Amino acid sequence: PNIELGQAISATTINLRDNSDNYNPLVQGQQEYISAGSYTWVAPAGVTSVSVVVIGGGGSGLGGVVGEGGAGGGLAYTNNTAVVAGSSYAVVVGDGGTARTNAVGINGGESYFNTTSLVRATGGTGGNTGAIPGGTNTAGDGGGSGGGGGNDTSDAAGGGGGAAGYSGNGGNGGNYTSGSTPVAGAGGGGGGGGAGKYYQSYEQYSGGNGGGGTGRYGEGSSGTAGTNATSGTGSLGTPGGGGSSGVNGSSAGTITGGSGGVYGGGGGGSGWNGGTYTSSGGGFRGAVRIIWSNSVTRAFP
């Protein structure tokens, strides 16, 4: 009666304690959500705490004559958050803003776990006139903000902003105004995409490039900045922390802005093709990753 056997995980099953090492059998795992939508996560038997990272969706660029880029999504994480085995918890993954033609960009969606006051990252702002701010980490233990979308000018489409990092911000997308060059990501964030450029005598303007995304497996190297185009298209902002680069804006044929990178990259602004409206780039959706262990501390970044 006075000997601890282990941990009951159901009415008929018990995890026996290993007396040689004096700890319960290993319970370790993860659950990832990488498609936009609302989900329910049930805490497994033996799990009493989790660490969670959430990434918001990237905004899409403005579609029009020459458009602004969309901003990158924010990132937030929480560590050692108490859960109850068998209980259900809400998971929301924000979508990326969809590509636009002759219309303002669409904001990326927010991502969170359980409640918006526990850990939450907002989506990047869609391309529009004026400032295009990135998503932020509004709740949690750490994270960063997405890079802002690049403004357009009379002869250049803005680049998409990079997704936020684990301990820094994503890079701003490029444009040709003062302080126009794309910015590298920080703290494992994605780099900003380069701006497009007027490049043909018959009024063709290439689309802006997509911003880099940020990976869901913890902080890695930060993404480097793209470059603005001098003719044709510029270069992409590279990804941070295991994400992926965005897509180059096109400079011939059907001219479009480039889409943002995995996860949370902002889309590039639209180009212009001799009087024809073209499409902007879409922002990439966010992600949620939950990790746990009863023997070692698993924590972000």
Protein backbone atom coordinates (compact mmCIF):
# COMPACT_ATOMS: atom_id res chain seq x y z
CA PRO A 1 0.00 0.00 0.00
CA ASN A 2 2.88 2.39 0.59
CA ILE A 3 4.76 1.64 -2.66
CA GLU A 4 4.25 3.97 -5.64
CA LEU A 5 3.58 1.79 -8.67
CA GLY A 6 3.39 4.46 -11.37
CA GLN A 7 0.76 6.58 -13.10
CA ALA A 8 -2.79 5.47 -13.86
CA ILE A 9 -3.74 6.34 -17.43
CA SER A 10 -7.19 4.72 -17.46
CA ALA A 11 -9.50 2.75 -15.18
CA THR A 12 -7.70 -0.48 -16.11
CA THR A 13 -4.19 0.54 -17.18
CA ILE A 14 -1.16 1.88 -15.30
CA ASN A 15 2.27 2.97 -16.49
CA LEU A 16 4.66 1.17 -14.13
CA ARG A 17 7.49 3.13 -12.58
CA ASP A 18 10.98 2.02 -13.62
CA ASN A 19 12.77 1.73 -10.24
CA SER A 20 16.21 1.53 -11.84
CA ASP A 21 15.91 5.04 -13.28
CA ASN A 22 13.17 6.25 -10.93
CA TYR A 23 10.94 7.86 -13.54
CA ASN A 24 7.78 7.02 -15.38
CA PRO A 25 7.90 5.46 -18.86
CA LEU A 26 8.68 8.00 -21.55
CA VAL A 27 5.72 9.94 -22.94
CA GLN A 28 6.96 12.21 -25.71
CA GLY A 29 5.49 13.45 -28.94
CA GLN A 30 4.26 16.29 -31.09
CA GLN A 31 1.27 17.37 -33.14
CA GLU A 32 1.46 19.74 -36.09
CA TYR A 33 -1.24 21.67 -37.89
CA ILE A 34 -0.12 23.06 -41.25
CA SER A 35 -3.41 23.62 -43.07
CA ALA A 36 -5.58 26.65 -42.39
CA GLY A 37 -8.61 25.97 -40.22
CA SER A 38 -9.93 25.27 -36.73
CA TYR A 39 -9.07 22.04 -34.91
CA THR A 40 -9.36 20.30 -31.55
CA TRP A 41 -6.29 18.77 -29.90
CA VAL A 42 -6.78 16.22 -27.13
CA ALA A 43 -3.96 15.94 -24.58
CA PRO A 44 -2.58 12.37 -24.58
CA ALA A 45 -2.41 10.18 -21.50
CA GLY A 46 0.49 11.05 -19.26
CA VAL A 47 0.94 14.57 -20.67
CA THR A 48 0.71 17.39 -18.14
CA SER A 49 2.37 20.27 -20.00
CA VAL A 50 3.15 21.36 -23.55
CA SER A 51 5.16 23.94 -25.46
CA VAL A 52 3.51 25.50 -28.50
CA VAL A 53 4.60 27.71 -31.41
CA VAL A 54 2.08 29.53 -33.62
CA ILE A 55 2.74 31.41 -36.88
CA GLY A 56 0.23 33.80 -38.43
CA GLY A 57 -0.63 33.87 -42.11
CA GLY A 58 1.05 36.28 -44.54
CA GLY A 59 -0.88 39.07 -46.23
CA SER A 60 -1.33 39.19 -49.99
CA GLY A 61 -0.06 42.02 -52.16
CA LEU A 62 -2.17 44.73 -53.70
CA GLY A 63 -3.40 43.93 -57.19
CA GLY A 64 -3.55 46.89 -59.55
CA VAL A 65 -1.33 48.98 -61.77
CA VAL A 66 1.74 48.59 -59.55
CA GLY A 67 0.98 47.21 -56.09
CA GLU A 68 2.33 47.20 -52.56
CA GLY A 69 3.57 43.93 -51.11
CA GLY A 70 1.80 42.05 -48.33
CA ALA A 71 3.34 41.82 -44.85
CA GLY A 72 4.64 38.70 -43.11
CA GLY A 73 2.81 36.90 -40.32
CA GLY A 74 3.80 37.12 -36.66
CA LEU A 75 5.19 34.29 -34.52
CA ALA A 76 4.62 33.48 -30.84
CA TYR A 77 5.42 30.59 -28.53
CA THR A 78 4.61 29.45 -25.01
CA ASN A 79 6.55 26.98 -22.87
CA ASN A 80 5.59 24.60 -20.06
CA THR A 81 1.88 25.33 -20.36
CA ALA A 82 -0.22 23.06 -18.13
CA VAL A 83 -2.74 20.72 -19.78
CA VAL A 84 -4.96 17.92 -18.50
CA ALA A 85 -4.70 14.50 -20.15
CA GLY A 86 -7.88 13.69 -22.05
CA SER A 87 -9.01 17.32 -22.21
CA SER A 88 -9.65 19.15 -25.49
CA TYR A 89 -7.97 22.35 -26.59
CA ALA A 90 -8.73 24.66 -29.51
CA VAL A 91 -6.18 25.08 -32.30
CA VAL A 92 -6.57 27.74 -35.01
CA VAL A 93 -4.27 28.10 -38.04
CA GLY A 94 -4.57 31.37 -39.94
CA ASP A 95 -4.81 31.33 -43.70
CA GLY A 96 -2.71 33.46 -46.03
CA GLY A 97 -4.30 36.33 -47.91
CA THR A 98 -5.41 35.32 -51.39
CA ALA A 99 -3.95 36.85 -54.55
CA ARG A 100 -5.74 39.96 -55.80
CA THR A 101 -6.44 41.61 -59.15
CA ASN A 102 -7.28 45.34 -59.17
CA ALA A 103 -8.04 45.19 -55.43
CA VAL A 104 -6.32 45.75 -52.10
CA GLY A 105 -4.53 42.84 -50.49
CA ILE A 106 -6.15 40.58 -47.91
CA ASN A 107 -4.83 40.27 -44.37
CA GLY A 108 -3.40 36.97 -43.19
CA GLY A 109 -5.32 35.13 -40.47
CA GLU A 110 -4.35 34.77 -36.82
CA SER A 111 -3.08 31.52 -35.27
CA TYR A 112 -3.45 30.50 -31.62
CA PHE A 113 -3.65 27.61 -29.16
CA ASN A 114 -6.41 27.18 -26.57
CA THR A 115 -7.24 30.90 -26.19
CA THR A 116 -6.05 34.11 -27.84
CA SER A 117 -4.75 35.27 -24.46
CA LEU A 118 -2.42 32.26 -24.03
CA VAL A 119 -0.38 32.24 -27.24
CA ARG A 120 -1.40 34.09 -30.40
CA ALA A 121 0.22 35.45 -33.56
CA THR A 122 -1.67 37.77 -35.87
CA GLY A 123 -1.48 37.72 -39.65
CA GLY A 124 0.34 40.19 -41.87
CA THR A 125 -1.53 43.14 -43.35
CA GLY A 126 -2.53 42.95 -47.00
CA GLY A 127 -1.00 45.41 -49.46
CA ASN A 128 -2.72 48.79 -49.54
CA THR A 129 -1.72 52.43 -49.74
CA GLY A 130 0.59 53.60 -46.96
CA ALA A 131 2.27 51.44 -44.34
CA ILE A 132 1.76 47.67 -44.49
CA PRO A 133 2.70 46.35 -41.02
CA GLY A 134 3.51 42.74 -40.22
CA GLY A 135 1.65 40.48 -37.84
CA THR A 136 2.70 40.44 -34.18
CA ASN A 137 3.01 38.12 -31.18
CA THR A 138 0.19 39.39 -29.00
CA ALA A 139 0.41 36.64 -26.33
CA GLY A 140 2.98 34.07 -25.23
CA ASP A 141 6.51 33.84 -23.86
CA GLY A 142 8.35 35.15 -26.93
CA GLY A 143 8.41 35.58 -30.67
CA GLY A 144 8.48 38.47 -33.13
CA SER A 145 6.65 40.53 -35.73
CA GLY A 146 6.46 39.93 -39.44
CA GLY A 147 8.22 42.23 -41.88
CA GLY A 148 6.24 45.01 -43.49
CA GLY A 149 5.24 44.90 -47.14
CA GLY A 150 7.16 47.13 -49.54
CA ASN A 151 5.40 50.25 -50.83
CA ASP A 152 5.02 50.73 -54.54
CA THR A 153 6.18 53.75 -56.52
CA SER A 154 5.41 54.91 -60.03
CA ASP A 155 7.75 52.33 -61.51
CA ALA A 156 8.15 49.50 -59.00
CA ALA A 157 5.98 46.88 -57.26
CA GLY A 158 6.66 46.27 -53.57
CA GLY A 159 8.18 43.05 -52.24
CA GLY A 160 6.50 40.86 -49.63
CA GLY A 161 7.55 40.96 -45.97
CA GLY A 162 9.28 38.02 -44.31
CA ALA A 163 7.59 36.00 -41.57
CA ALA A 164 8.57 36.71 -37.96
CA GLY A 165 11.36 34.92 -36.12
CA TYR A 166 11.53 33.26 -32.69
CA SER A 167 13.54 36.09 -31.16
CA GLY A 168 13.38 38.83 -33.78
CA ASN A 169 11.36 40.23 -36.65
CA GLY A 170 10.96 39.27 -40.27
CA GLY A 171 12.56 41.49 -42.90
CA ASN A 172 10.67 44.28 -44.65
CA GLY A 173 9.92 43.91 -48.34
CA GLY A 174 11.75 46.14 -50.80
CA ASN A 175 10.56 49.27 -52.59
CA TYR A 176 12.18 52.18 -54.38
CA THR A 177 11.41 54.96 -51.94
CA SER A 178 13.72 56.24 -49.20
CA GLY A 179 15.18 53.31 -47.25
CA SER A 180 13.94 51.04 -49.99
CA THR A 181 16.17 47.99 -49.90
CA PRO A 182 14.79 44.70 -48.52
CA VAL A 183 15.76 43.80 -44.95
CA ALA A 184 17.13 40.52 -43.62
CA GLY A 185 15.18 38.55 -41.03
CA ALA A 186 16.27 38.43 -37.39
CA GLY A 187 15.99 35.74 -34.70
CA GLY A 188 15.28 33.04 -37.25
CA GLY A 189 12.82 35.15 -39.26
CA GLY A 190 12.35 35.24 -43.02
CA GLY A 191 14.00 37.89 -45.20
CA GLY A 192 12.04 40.50 -47.16
CA GLY A 193 11.44 40.02 -50.86
CA GLY A 194 12.82 42.38 -53.50
CA ALA A 195 10.73 44.88 -55.43
CA GLY A 196 9.85 44.58 -59.09
CA LYS A 197 10.88 47.21 -61.63
CA TYR A 198 9.83 49.03 -64.78
CA TYR A 199 11.94 47.29 -67.39
CA GLN A 200 10.48 47.60 -70.89
CA SER A 201 9.87 50.59 -73.12
CA TYR A 202 6.28 49.53 -73.69
CA GLU A 203 5.37 49.82 -70.03
CA GLN A 204 5.90 46.46 -68.47
CA TYR A 205 6.56 46.38 -64.75
CA SER A 206 7.57 43.12 -63.09
CA GLY A 207 5.73 41.93 -59.99
CA GLY A 208 7.23 42.14 -56.51
CA ASN A 209 8.84 39.05 -55.01
CA GLY A 210 7.43 37.08 -52.11
CA GLY A 211 8.94 37.30 -48.62
CA GLY A 212 10.61 34.34 -46.93
CA GLY A 213 8.72 32.07 -44.54
CA THR A 214 9.73 30.75 -41.11
CA GLY A 215 9.96 27.09 -40.09
CA ARG A 216 8.04 25.47 -37.24
CA TYR A 217 10.91 23.44 -35.77
CA GLY A 218 12.53 26.16 -33.69
CA GLU A 219 14.93 28.99 -34.35
CA GLY A 220 17.47 28.44 -37.07
CA SER A 221 19.49 30.81 -39.22
CA SER A 222 17.84 34.08 -40.20
CA GLY A 223 16.82 34.68 -43.77
CA THR A 224 18.88 37.06 -45.90
CA ALA A 225 17.32 39.98 -47.71
CA GLY A 226 16.44 39.87 -51.36
CA THR A 227 17.49 42.60 -53.79
CA ASN A 228 15.35 45.02 -55.74
CA ALA A 229 15.20 44.53 -59.48
CA THR A 230 17.28 46.69 -61.79
CA SER A 231 15.66 45.12 -64.84
CA GLY A 232 13.23 42.26 -64.90
CA THR A 233 12.77 40.79 -61.43
CA GLY A 234 14.77 41.17 -58.25
CA SER A 235 15.61 38.40 -55.82
CA LEU A 236 13.68 36.73 -53.05
CA GLY A 237 14.00 37.10 -49.35
CA THR A 238 15.35 33.76 -48.11
CA PRO A 239 13.66 31.75 -45.35
CA GLY A 240 14.48 31.62 -41.67
CA GLY A 241 14.46 28.65 -39.33
CA GLY A 242 13.77 25.95 -41.91
CA GLY A 243 10.99 27.70 -43.82
CA SER A 244 11.06 28.27 -47.57
CA SER A 245 11.67 31.15 -49.93
CA GLY A 246 8.82 32.97 -51.56
CA VAL A 247 8.23 32.98 -55.30
CA ASN A 248 9.71 35.40 -57.82
CA GLY A 249 7.36 37.89 -59.37
CA SER A 250 7.07 37.36 -63.12
CA SER A 251 8.49 39.79 -65.64
CA ALA A 252 7.04 38.56 -68.90
CA GLY A 253 3.79 37.18 -70.25
CA THR A 254 1.16 37.19 -67.50
CA ILE A 255 2.90 39.42 -64.97
CA THR A 256 2.11 38.59 -61.34
CA GLY A 257 3.51 39.20 -57.91
CA GLY A 258 5.26 36.28 -56.23
CA SER A 259 3.60 34.37 -53.39
CA GLY A 260 5.05 34.28 -49.86
CA GLY A 261 7.14 31.45 -48.44
CA VAL A 262 6.31 28.63 -46.00
CA TYR A 263 5.12 29.63 -43.35
CA GLY A 264 3.72 33.14 -43.02
CA GLY A 265 5.56 34.87 -45.89
CA GLY A 266 3.93 37.95 -47.42
CA GLY A 267 3.03 38.09 -51.11
CA GLY A 268 4.58 40.53 -53.61
CA GLY A 269 2.67 43.36 -55.21
CA SER A 270 1.26 43.13 -58.71
CA GLY A 271 2.97 44.36 -61.84
CA TRP A 272 1.65 46.09 -64.94
CA ASN A 273 1.54 44.88 -68.52
CA GLY A 274 0.92 47.66 -71.00
CA GLY A 275 -2.47 48.69 -69.62
CA THR A 276 -3.55 45.30 -68.25
CA TYR A 277 -4.17 44.77 -64.55
CA THR A 278 -2.23 41.86 -63.15
CA SER A 279 -2.46 39.70 -60.05
CA SER A 280 -0.55 40.15 -56.80
CA GLY A 281 1.09 37.32 -54.91
CA GLY A 282 -0.78 35.48 -52.17
CA GLY A 283 0.46 35.27 -48.60
CA PHE A 284 1.33 31.85 -47.21
CA ARG A 285 -0.74 30.31 -44.43
CA GLY A 286 0.45 29.94 -40.84
CA ALA A 287 1.10 26.87 -38.71
CA VAL A 288 0.83 25.50 -35.16
CA ARG A 289 3.16 22.94 -33.56
CA ILE A 290 2.64 21.36 -30.12
CA ILE A 291 5.44 19.40 -28.40
CA TRP A 292 5.59 17.51 -25.10
CA SER A 293 7.69 15.16 -22.94
CA ASN A 294 7.49 13.87 -19.39
CA SER A 295 11.24 13.28 -19.05
CA VAL A 296 13.04 16.29 -20.55
CA THR A 297 12.17 19.92 -21.08
CA ARG A 298 11.14 20.60 -24.66
CA ALA A 299 10.87 24.32 -25.21
CA PHE A 300 11.11 27.01 -27.87
CA PRO A 301 13.05 28.68 -29.38
